[in-house]
Amino acid sequence: MISDDKMKREAFLKMTRGIFAYWRNPFHHTLNDRTELSLAWSVVGVIDSLLAEIDASVISDAIVSDSNKKESK
């Protein structure tokens, strides 16, 4: 769990989806030697921040319980 605050969790989810949808696909499928170094470092910095948030997150008992309930259906 990233946060106890539902709004922060939703914002994190949207940011994660957005950064990967917006940046990953163009850079993953083509090489562009015109990409500014500062832009590349900025993207790496944002992704590094997201990964640090994930690393600091904890597994919530409520999430595990919900997951187990869904699997048993």
PDB file of N, CA and C in Angstrom:
ATOM      1  N   MET A   1       0.850  -1.156   0.000  1.00  0.00           N
ATOM      2  CA  MET A   1       0.000   0.000   0.000  1.00  0.00           C
ATOM      3  C   MET A   1       0.906   1.232   0.000  1.00  0.00           C
ATOM      4  N   ILE A   2       0.670   2.098  -0.924  1.00  0.00           N
ATOM      5  CA  ILE A   2       1.470   3.310  -1.052  1.00  0.00           C
ATOM      6  C   ILE A   2       1.133   4.304   0.057  1.00  0.00           C
ATOM      7  N   SER A   3      -0.157   4.411   0.392  1.00  0.00           N
ATOM      8  CA  SER A   3      -0.602   5.386   1.383  1.00  0.00           C
ATOM      9  C   SER A   3      -1.932   4.939   1.979  1.00  0.00           C
ATOM     10  N   ASP A   4      -2.220   5.434   3.173  1.00  0.00           N
ATOM     11  CA  ASP A   4      -3.540   5.192   3.759  1.00  0.00           C
ATOM     12  C   ASP A   4      -4.601   6.054   3.078  1.00  0.00           C
ATOM     13  N   ASP A   5      -4.175   7.124   2.475  1.00  0.00           N
ATOM     14  CA  ASP A   5      -5.071   8.078   1.821  1.00  0.00           C
ATOM     15  C   ASP A   5      -5.464   7.564   0.430  1.00  0.00           C
ATOM     16  N   LYS A   6      -6.753   7.323   0.241  1.00  0.00           N
ATOM     17  CA  LYS A   6      -7.239   6.778  -1.023  1.00  0.00           C
ATOM     18  C   LYS A   6      -6.917   7.699  -2.203  1.00  0.00           C
ATOM     19  N   MET A   7      -7.018   8.996  -2.011  1.00  0.00           N
ATOM     20  CA  MET A   7      -6.731   9.948  -3.088  1.00  0.00           C
ATOM     21  C   MET A   7      -5.265   9.854  -3.524  1.00  0.00           C
ATOM     22  N   LYS A   8      -4.355   9.691  -2.556  1.00  0.00           N
ATOM     23  CA  LYS A   8      -2.933   9.561  -2.892  1.00  0.00           C
ATOM     24  C   LYS A   8      -2.674   8.262  -3.651  1.00  0.00           C
ATOM     25  N   ARG A   9      -3.356   7.196  -3.244  1.00  0.00           N
ATOM     26  CA  ARG A   9      -3.192   5.922  -3.950  1.00  0.00           C
ATOM     27  C   ARG A   9      -3.675   6.028  -5.393  1.00  0.00           C
ATOM     28  N   GLU A  10      -4.826   6.669  -5.568  1.00  0.00           N
ATOM     29  CA  GLU A  10      -5.366   6.835  -6.914  1.00  0.00           C
ATOM     30  C   GLU A  10      -4.461   7.728  -7.759  1.00  0.00           C
ATOM     31  N   ALA A  11      -3.927   8.784  -7.160  1.00  0.00           N
ATOM     32  CA  ALA A  11      -3.017   9.672  -7.878  1.00  0.00           C
ATOM     33  C   ALA A  11      -1.751   8.924  -8.285  1.00  0.00           C
ATOM     34  N   PHE A  12      -1.224   8.105  -7.393  1.00  0.00           N
ATOM     35  CA  PHE A  12      -0.032   7.319  -7.703  1.00  0.00           C
ATOM     36  C   PHE A  12      -0.317   6.358  -8.849  1.00  0.00           C
ATOM     37  N   LEU A  13      -1.451   5.702  -8.812  1.00  0.00           N
ATOM     38  CA  LEU A  13      -1.821   4.771  -9.874  1.00  0.00           C
ATOM     39  C   LEU A  13      -1.922   5.495 -11.212  1.00  0.00           C
ATOM     40  N   LYS A  14      -2.588   6.641 -11.225  1.00  0.00           N
ATOM     41  CA  LYS A  14      -2.728   7.402 -12.466  1.00  0.00           C
ATOM     42  C   LYS A  14      -1.378   7.893 -12.976  1.00  0.00           C
ATOM     43  N   MET A  15      -0.534   8.327 -12.071  1.00  0.00           N
ATOM     44  CA  MET A  15       0.788   8.811 -12.472  1.00  0.00           C
ATOM     45  C   MET A  15       1.616   7.666 -13.048  1.00  0.00           C
ATOM     46  N   THR A  16       1.573   6.512 -12.401  1.00  0.00           N
ATOM     47  CA  THR A  16       2.329   5.354 -12.880  1.00  0.00           C
ATOM     48  C   THR A  16       1.828   4.914 -14.249  1.00  0.00           C
ATOM     49  N   ARG A  17       0.526   4.809 -14.395  1.00  0.00           N
ATOM     50  CA  ARG A  17      -0.028   4.430 -15.701  1.00  0.00           C
ATOM     51  C   ARG A  17       0.341   5.459 -16.760  1.00  0.00           C
ATOM     52  N   GLY A  18       0.224   6.712 -16.400  1.00  0.00           N
ATOM     53  CA  GLY A  18       0.496   7.787 -17.357  1.00  0.00           C
ATOM     54  C   GLY A  18       1.939   7.839 -17.803  1.00  0.00           C
ATOM     55  N   ILE A  19       2.854   7.744 -16.861  1.00  0.00           N
ATOM     56  CA  ILE A  19       4.273   7.850 -17.226  1.00  0.00           C
ATOM     57  C   ILE A  19       4.676   6.696 -18.124  1.00  0.00           C
ATOM     58  N   PHE A  20       4.163   5.511 -17.845  1.00  0.00           N
ATOM     59  CA  PHE A  20       4.531   4.381 -18.686  1.00  0.00           C
ATOM     60  C   PHE A  20       3.830   4.436 -20.037  1.00  0.00           C
ATOM     61  N   ALA A  21       2.582   4.849 -20.063  1.00  0.00           N
ATOM     62  CA  ALA A  21       1.873   4.944 -21.347  1.00  0.00           C
ATOM     63  C   ALA A  21       2.461   6.051 -22.218  1.00  0.00           C
ATOM     64  N   TYR A  22       2.808   7.179 -21.601  1.00  0.00           N
ATOM     65  CA  TYR A  22       3.283   8.324 -22.366  1.00  0.00           C
ATOM     66  C   TYR A  22       4.743   8.194 -22.775  1.00  0.00           C
ATOM     67  N   TRP A  23       5.596   7.769 -21.860  1.00  0.00           N
ATOM     68  CA  TRP A  23       7.029   7.736 -22.142  1.00  0.00           C
ATOM     69  C   TRP A  23       7.542   6.392 -22.611  1.00  0.00           C
ATOM     70  N   ARG A  24       7.050   5.322 -22.042  1.00  0.00           N
ATOM     71  CA  ARG A  24       7.637   4.026 -22.345  1.00  0.00           C
ATOM     72  C   ARG A  24       7.470   3.654 -23.809  1.00  0.00           C
ATOM     73  N   ASN A  25       6.274   3.742 -24.322  1.00  0.00           N
ATOM     74  CA  ASN A  25       6.043   3.245 -25.675  1.00  0.00           C
ATOM     75  C   ASN A  25       6.912   3.925 -26.731  1.00  0.00           C
ATOM     76  N   PRO A  26       6.961   5.261 -26.806  1.00  0.00           N
ATOM     77  CA  PRO A  26       7.804   5.856 -27.848  1.00  0.00           C
ATOM     78  C   PRO A  26       9.289   5.519 -27.678  1.00  0.00           C
ATOM     79  N   PHE A  27       9.781   5.546 -26.460  1.00  0.00           N
ATOM     80  CA  PHE A  27      11.198   5.287 -26.237  1.00  0.00           C
ATOM     81  C   PHE A  27      11.525   3.798 -26.325  1.00  0.00           C
ATOM     82  N   HIS A  28      10.548   2.969 -26.067  1.00  0.00           N
ATOM     83  CA  HIS A  28      10.772   1.521 -26.100  1.00  0.00           C
ATOM     84  C   HIS A  28      10.851   1.003 -27.542  1.00  0.00           C
ATOM     85  N   HIS A  29      10.099   1.627 -28.433  1.00  0.00           N
ATOM     86  CA  HIS A  29       9.989   1.099 -29.787  1.00  0.00           C
ATOM     87  C   HIS A  29      10.908   1.761 -30.810  1.00  0.00           C
ATOM     88  N   THR A  30      11.451   2.925 -30.486  1.00  0.00           N
ATOM     89  CA  THR A  30      12.330   3.596 -31.442  1.00  0.00           C
ATOM     90  C   THR A  30      13.475   4.289 -30.718  1.00  0.00           C
ATOM     91  N   LEU A  31      14.580   4.379 -31.388  1.00  0.00           N
ATOM     92  CA  LEU A  31      15.702   5.153 -30.869  1.00  0.00           C
ATOM     93  C   LEU A  31      15.605   6.551 -31.464  1.00  0.00           C
ATOM     94  N   ASN A  32      15.788   7.547 -30.623  1.00  0.00           N
ATOM     95  CA  ASN A  32      15.704   8.919 -31.089  1.00  0.00           C
ATOM     96  C   ASN A  32      16.919   9.667 -30.562  1.00  0.00           C
ATOM     97  N   ASP A  33      17.875   9.916 -31.414  1.00  0.00           N
ATOM     98  CA  ASP A  33      19.088  10.590 -30.962  1.00  0.00           C
ATOM     99  C   ASP A  33      18.897  12.092 -30.790  1.00  0.00           C
ATOM    100  N   ARG A  34      17.684  12.576 -31.049  1.00  0.00           N
ATOM    101  CA  ARG A  34      17.404  14.001 -30.843  1.00  0.00           C
ATOM    102  C   ARG A  34      16.803  14.286 -29.465  1.00  0.00           C
ATOM    103  N   THR A  35      16.624  13.265 -28.666  1.00  0.00           N
ATOM    104  CA  THR A  35      16.086  13.444 -27.320  1.00  0.00           C
ATOM    105  C   THR A  35      17.084  14.239 -26.480  1.00  0.00           C
ATOM    106  N   GLU A  36      16.598  15.294 -25.875  1.00  0.00           N
ATOM    107  CA  GLU A  36      17.453  16.125 -25.022  1.00  0.00           C
ATOM    108  C   GLU A  36      17.885  15.342 -23.789  1.00  0.00           C
ATOM    109  N   LEU A  37      19.133  15.480 -23.424  1.00  0.00           N
ATOM    110  CA  LEU A  37      19.662  14.797 -22.242  1.00  0.00           C
ATOM    111  C   LEU A  37      18.896  15.201 -20.987  1.00  0.00           C
ATOM    112  N   SER A  38      18.531  16.466 -20.875  1.00  0.00           N
ATOM    113  CA  SER A  38      17.801  16.923 -19.682  1.00  0.00           C
ATOM    114  C   SER A  38      16.435  16.254 -19.583  1.00  0.00           C
ATOM    115  N   LEU A  39      15.780  16.028 -20.721  1.00  0.00           N
ATOM    116  CA  LEU A  39      14.493  15.334 -20.714  1.00  0.00           C
ATOM    117  C   LEU A  39      14.679  13.881 -20.281  1.00  0.00           C
ATOM    118  N   ALA A  40      15.690  13.242 -20.814  1.00  0.00           N
ATOM    119  CA  ALA A  40      15.954  11.850 -20.434  1.00  0.00           C
ATOM    120  C   ALA A  40      16.203  11.721 -18.938  1.00  0.00           C
ATOM    121  N   TRP A  41      17.014  12.618 -18.378  1.00  0.00           N
ATOM    122  CA  TRP A  41      17.286  12.574 -16.939  1.00  0.00           C
ATOM    123  C   TRP A  41      16.032  12.877 -16.123  1.00  0.00           C
ATOM    124  N   SER A  42      15.190  13.759 -16.627  1.00  0.00           N
ATOM    125  CA  SER A  42      13.935  14.073 -15.923  1.00  0.00           C
ATOM    126  C   SER A  42      13.028  12.851 -15.856  1.00  0.00           C
ATOM    127  N   VAL A  43      12.905  12.150 -16.969  1.00  0.00           N
ATOM    128  CA  VAL A  43      12.078  10.945 -17.011  1.00  0.00           C
ATOM    129  C   VAL A  43      12.635   9.892 -16.064  1.00  0.00           C
ATOM    130  N   VAL A  44      13.944   9.699 -16.108  1.00  0.00           N
ATOM    131  CA  VAL A  44      14.576   8.729 -15.205  1.00  0.00           C
ATOM    132  C   VAL A  44      14.330   9.134 -13.750  1.00  0.00           C
ATOM    133  N   GLY A  45      14.395  10.432 -13.456  1.00  0.00           N
ATOM    134  CA  GLY A  45      14.154  10.910 -12.091  1.00  0.00           C
ATOM    135  C   GLY A  45      12.738  10.632 -11.615  1.00  0.00           C
ATOM    136  N   VAL A  46      11.759  10.857 -12.490  1.00  0.00           N
ATOM    137  CA  VAL A  46      10.359  10.593 -12.117  1.00  0.00           C
ATOM    138  C   VAL A  46      10.154   9.103 -11.872  1.00  0.00           C
ATOM    139  N   ILE A  47      10.667   8.284 -12.765  1.00  0.00           N
ATOM    140  CA  ILE A  47      10.515   6.832 -12.599  1.00  0.00           C
ATOM    141  C   ILE A  47      11.249   6.358 -11.347  1.00  0.00           C
ATOM    142  N   ASP A  48      12.409   6.924 -11.084  1.00  0.00           N
ATOM    143  CA  ASP A  48      13.147   6.575  -9.867  1.00  0.00           C
ATOM    144  C   ASP A  48      12.334   6.924  -8.622  1.00  0.00           C
ATOM    145  N   SER A  49      11.649   8.062  -8.640  1.00  0.00           N
ATOM    146  CA  SER A  49      10.791   8.455  -7.508  1.00  0.00           C
ATOM    147  C   SER A  49       9.632   7.486  -7.335  1.00  0.00           C
ATOM    148  N   LEU A  50       9.025   7.081  -8.440  1.00  0.00           N
ATOM    149  CA  LEU A  50       7.928   6.116  -8.365  1.00  0.00           C
ATOM    150  C   LEU A  50       8.412   4.779  -7.801  1.00  0.00           C
ATOM    151  N   LEU A  51       9.583   4.341  -8.255  1.00  0.00           N
ATOM    152  CA  LEU A  51      10.127   3.087  -7.736  1.00  0.00           C
ATOM    153  C   LEU A  51      10.470   3.183  -6.252  1.00  0.00           C
ATOM    154  N   ALA A  52      10.934   4.349  -5.805  1.00  0.00           N
ATOM    155  CA  ALA A  52      11.219   4.541  -4.375  1.00  0.00           C
ATOM    156  C   ALA A  52       9.927   4.456  -3.560  1.00  0.00           C
ATOM    157  N   GLU A  53       8.844   5.002  -4.096  1.00  0.00           N
ATOM    158  CA  GLU A  53       7.539   4.905  -3.416  1.00  0.00           C
ATOM    159  C   GLU A  53       7.100   3.445  -3.318  1.00  0.00           C
ATOM    160  N   ILE A  54       7.271   2.711  -4.393  1.00  0.00           N
ATOM    161  CA  ILE A  54       6.907   1.293  -4.387  1.00  0.00           C
ATOM    162  C   ILE A  54       7.762   0.535  -3.380  1.00  0.00           C
ATOM    163  N   ASP A  55       9.054   0.841  -3.353  1.00  0.00           N
ATOM    164  CA  ASP A  55       9.968   0.183  -2.423  1.00  0.00           C
ATOM    165  C   ASP A  55       9.587   0.458  -0.969  1.00  0.00           C
ATOM    166  N   ALA A  56       9.062   1.644  -0.702  1.00  0.00           N
ATOM    167  CA  ALA A  56       8.695   2.019   0.660  1.00  0.00           C
ATOM    168  C   ALA A  56       7.282   1.571   1.035  1.00  0.00           C
ATOM    169  N   SER A  57       6.559   1.012   0.076  1.00  0.00           N
ATOM    170  CA  SER A  57       5.183   0.605   0.357  1.00  0.00           C
ATOM    171  C   SER A  57       5.156  -0.673   1.189  1.00  0.00           C
ATOM    172  N   VAL A  58       3.995  -0.955   1.739  1.00  0.00           N
ATOM    173  CA  VAL A  58       3.809  -2.149   2.561  1.00  0.00           C
ATOM    174  C   VAL A  58       2.620  -2.942   2.032  1.00  0.00           C
ATOM    175  N   ILE A  59       2.613  -4.218   2.324  1.00  0.00           N
ATOM    176  CA  ILE A  59       1.473  -5.050   1.966  1.00  0.00           C
ATOM    177  C   ILE A  59       0.409  -4.875   3.033  1.00  0.00           C
ATOM    178  N   SER A  60      -0.779  -4.541   2.594  1.00  0.00           N
ATOM    179  CA  SER A  60      -1.890  -4.315   3.510  1.00  0.00           C
ATOM    180  C   SER A  60      -2.664  -5.621   3.700  1.00  0.00           C
ATOM    181  N   ASP A  61      -3.010  -5.918   4.955  1.00  0.00           N
ATOM    182  CA  ASP A  61      -3.817  -7.110   5.226  1.00  0.00           C
ATOM    183  C   ASP A  61      -5.148  -7.044   4.500  1.00  0.00           C
ATOM    184  N   ALA A  62      -5.730  -5.848   4.368  1.00  0.00           N
ATOM    185  CA  ALA A  62      -7.010  -5.689   3.682  1.00  0.00           C
ATOM    186  C   ALA A  62      -6.878  -6.053   2.208  1.00  0.00           C
ATOM    187  N   ILE A  63      -5.782  -5.675   1.601  1.00  0.00           N
ATOM    188  CA  ILE A  63      -5.566  -5.988   0.192  1.00  0.00           C
ATOM    189  C   ILE A  63      -5.380  -7.486   0.013  1.00  0.00           C
ATOM    190  N   VAL A  64      -4.624  -8.115   0.888  1.00  0.00           N
ATOM    191  CA  VAL A  64      -4.418  -9.559   0.813  1.00  0.00           C
ATOM    192  C   VAL A  64      -5.741 -10.283   1.017  1.00  0.00           C
ATOM    193  N   SER A  65      -6.556  -9.833   1.962  1.00  0.00           N
ATOM    194  CA  SER A  65      -7.861 -10.463   2.226  1.00  0.00           C
ATOM    195  C   SER A  65      -8.767 -10.338   1.009  1.00  0.00           C
ATOM    196  N   ASP A  66      -8.808  -9.126   0.397  1.00  0.00           N
ATOM    197  CA  ASP A  66      -9.638  -8.923  -0.791  1.00  0.00           C
ATOM    198  C   ASP A  66      -9.174  -9.814  -1.933  1.00  0.00           C
ATOM    199  N   SER A  67      -7.883  -9.935  -2.093  1.00  0.00           N
ATOM    200  CA  SER A  67      -7.328 -10.767  -3.154  1.00  0.00           C
ATOM    201  C   SER A  67      -7.693 -12.224  -2.937  1.00  0.00           C
ATOM    202  N   ASN A  68      -7.610 -12.693  -1.716  1.00  0.00           N
ATOM    203  CA  ASN A  68      -7.944 -14.078  -1.398  1.00  0.00           C
ATOM    204  C   ASN A  68      -9.427 -14.353  -1.637  1.00  0.00           C
ATOM    205  N   LYS A  69     -10.276 -13.380  -1.314  1.00  0.00           N
ATOM    206  CA  LYS A  69     -11.705 -13.535  -1.540  1.00  0.00           C
ATOM    207  C   LYS A  69     -12.012 -13.659  -3.027  1.00  0.00           C
ATOM    208  N   LYS A  70     -11.352 -12.840  -3.854  1.00  0.00           N
ATOM    209  CA  LYS A  70     -11.574 -12.882  -5.288  1.00  0.00           C
ATOM    210  C   LYS A  70     -11.116 -14.202  -5.882  1.00  0.00           C
ATOM    211  N   GLU A  71      -9.994 -14.722  -5.397  1.00  0.00           N
ATOM    212  CA  GLU A  71      -9.459 -15.980  -5.914  1.00  0.00           C
ATOM    213  C   GLU A  71     -10.351 -17.165  -5.560  1.00  0.00           C
ATOM    214  N   SER A  72     -11.036 -17.099  -4.418  1.00  0.00           N
ATOM    215  CA  SER A  72     -11.869 -18.224  -3.999  1.00  0.00           C
ATOM    216  C   SER A  72     -13.217 -18.258  -4.717  1.00  0.00           C
ATOM    217  N   LYS A  73     -13.560 -17.184  -5.413  1.00  0.00           N
ATOM    218  CA  LYS A  73     -14.849 -17.161  -6.133  1.00  0.00           C
ATOM    219  C   LYS A  73     -14.813 -17.921  -7.407  1.00  0.00           C
TER     220      LYS A  73
END
